[in-house]
Protein backbone atom coordinates (compact mmCIF):
# COMPACT_ATOMS: atom_id res chain seq x y z
CA UNK A 1 0.00 0.00 0.00
CA UNK A 2 1.39 3.38 -1.05
CA UNK A 3 1.38 5.97 1.72
CA UNK A 4 2.63 9.50 2.21
CA UNK A 5 2.73 10.59 5.82
CA UNK A 6 3.41 14.19 6.81
CA UNK A 7 4.76 15.32 10.16
CA UNK A 8 6.19 18.41 11.78
CA UNK A 9 3.18 20.70 11.84
CA UNK A 10 2.18 22.69 14.88
CA UNK A 11 1.57 26.10 16.40
CA UNK A 12 4.23 28.77 16.01
CA UNK A 13 4.41 32.51 16.44
CA UNK A 14 4.81 34.82 13.48
CA UNK A 15 8.45 35.00 12.47
CA UNK A 16 9.13 31.49 13.66
CA UNK A 17 10.12 28.36 11.78
CA UNK A 18 8.84 24.84 11.23
CA UNK A 19 10.16 21.90 9.28
CA UNK A 20 7.67 19.56 7.65
CA UNK A 21 8.61 16.06 6.60
CA UNK A 22 6.90 13.59 4.32
CA UNK A 23 7.75 9.90 4.55
CA UNK A 24 6.76 7.73 1.60
CA UNK A 25 6.25 4.01 1.87
CA UNK A 26 4.96 1.20 -0.30
CA UNK A 27 7.08 2.21 -3.29
CA UNK A 28 9.94 4.50 -4.15
CA UNK A 29 9.28 7.96 -5.53
CA UNK A 30 12.83 8.64 -6.63
CA UNK A 31 11.62 9.04 -10.24
CA UNK A 32 8.65 11.26 -9.40
CA UNK A 33 8.46 14.97 -8.86
CA UNK A 34 7.14 15.81 -5.41
CA UNK A 35 5.20 18.77 -4.15
CA UNK A 36 3.86 20.50 -1.09
CA UNK A 37 0.41 22.06 -1.15
CA UNK A 38 -1.67 23.81 1.47
CA UNK A 39 -5.32 24.47 2.07
CA UNK A 40 -6.75 27.08 4.40
CA UNK A 41 -10.37 26.97 5.59
CA UNK A 42 -12.74 28.08 2.87
CA UNK A 43 -9.99 28.24 0.26
CA UNK A 44 -8.84 26.01 -2.55
CA UNK A 45 -5.79 23.83 -2.24
CA UNK A 46 -2.77 25.74 -3.51
CA UNK A 47 0.73 24.88 -4.64
CA UNK A 48 3.50 25.80 -2.22
CA UNK A 49 6.66 24.16 -3.55
CA UNK A 50 7.82 21.38 -5.82
CA UNK A 51 11.02 19.49 -6.48
CA UNK A 52 12.11 17.45 -9.46
CA UNK A 53 12.84 13.76 -9.13
CA UNK A 54 16.60 14.34 -9.17
CA UNK A 55 16.37 17.08 -6.58
CA UNK A 56 18.28 19.62 -8.64
CA UNK A 57 15.35 21.83 -9.63
CA UNK A 58 12.76 23.42 -7.39
CA UNK A 59 9.76 25.67 -7.82
CA UNK A 60 7.97 27.91 -5.33
CA UNK A 61 4.80 29.92 -5.08
CA UNK A 62 5.53 33.63 -5.06
CA UNK A 63 4.06 33.92 -1.59
CA UNK A 64 6.74 31.68 -0.06
CA UNK A 65 9.81 32.43 -2.16
CA UNK A 66 12.80 33.28 -0.03
CA UNK A 67 11.14 31.87 3.09
CA UNK A 68 10.48 28.19 2.32
CA UNK A 69 12.90 25.55 1.06
CA UNK A 70 11.94 22.16 -0.31
CA UNK A 71 14.38 19.26 -0.32
CA UNK A 72 14.34 15.52 -0.79
CA UNK A 73 16.32 12.45 0.17
CA UNK A 74 15.67 9.71 -2.36
CA UNK A 75 17.62 7.16 -0.35
CA UNK A 76 15.25 7.71 2.57
CA UNK A 77 12.16 8.27 0.39
CA UNK A 78 11.46 11.57 2.14
CA UNK A 79 10.62 15.13 1.16
CA UNK A 80 10.94 18.08 3.51
CA UNK A 81 9.77 21.66 3.65
CA UNK A 82 11.72 24.12 5.76
CA UNK A 83 9.52 27.10 6.56
CA UNK A 84 11.10 30.25 7.95
CA UNK A 85 9.75 33.72 8.72
CA UNK A 86 6.28 32.30 9.04
CA UNK A 87 3.29 34.60 8.72
CA UNK A 88 -0.30 34.21 9.94
CA UNK A 89 -1.38 33.83 6.31
CA UNK A 90 0.71 30.64 6.11
CA UNK A 91 -1.82 28.98 8.42
CA UNK A 92 -3.26 25.95 6.63
CA UNK A 93 -3.23 22.20 6.38
CA UNK A 94 -0.09 21.22 4.47
CA UNK A 95 -0.09 18.22 2.15
CA UNK A 96 2.69 16.25 0.55
CA UNK A 97 2.01 14.88 -2.94
CA UNK A 98 3.68 12.80 -5.63
CA UNK A 99 3.36 13.52 -9.35
CA UNK A 100 1.92 10.59 -11.26
CA UNK A 101 4.41 10.87 -14.14
CA UNK A 102 7.95 9.55 -14.10
CA UNK A 103 11.16 11.43 -14.90
CA UNK A 104 9.18 14.56 -15.72
CA UNK A 105 11.23 17.68 -16.37
CA UNK A 106 8.34 19.96 -15.47
CA UNK A 107 7.16 20.65 -11.93
CA UNK A 108 3.41 21.07 -11.97
CA UNK A 109 1.53 23.46 -9.71
CA UNK A 110 -1.89 21.98 -10.38
CA UNK A 111 -3.12 19.53 -7.72
CA UNK A 112 -4.73 17.44 -10.46
CA UNK A 113 -1.30 16.39 -11.70
CA UNK A 114 -0.48 14.66 -8.46
CA UNK A 115 -1.69 11.14 -7.88
CA UNK A 116 -0.60 10.34 -4.34
CA UNK A 117 -1.43 12.47 -1.31
CA UNK A 118 -0.74 12.44 2.37
CA UNK A 119 -3.36 13.09 5.03
CA UNK A 120 -2.03 16.56 5.81
CA UNK A 121 -0.50 18.28 8.81
CA UNK A 122 -1.84 21.44 10.42
CA UNK A 123 0.33 24.54 10.56
CA UNK A 124 -0.96 27.44 12.63
CA UNK A 125 0.90 30.74 12.82
CA UNK A 126 -0.23 33.15 15.50
CA UNK A 127 0.21 36.90 15.21
Foldseek 3Di string as FASTA:
>chain_A
DWAKAKDWADEEAAQAKIKMKIAIDPDFQLFWKKFKWWDDPPGDIWTAKIAHSPFPDMDGDPVQPPFKDWGDDRVRRMIMIIGGRDDQVVWTWMKMFTFPDGNDPDDDTDPVRTDHIHPTDTHGYHD
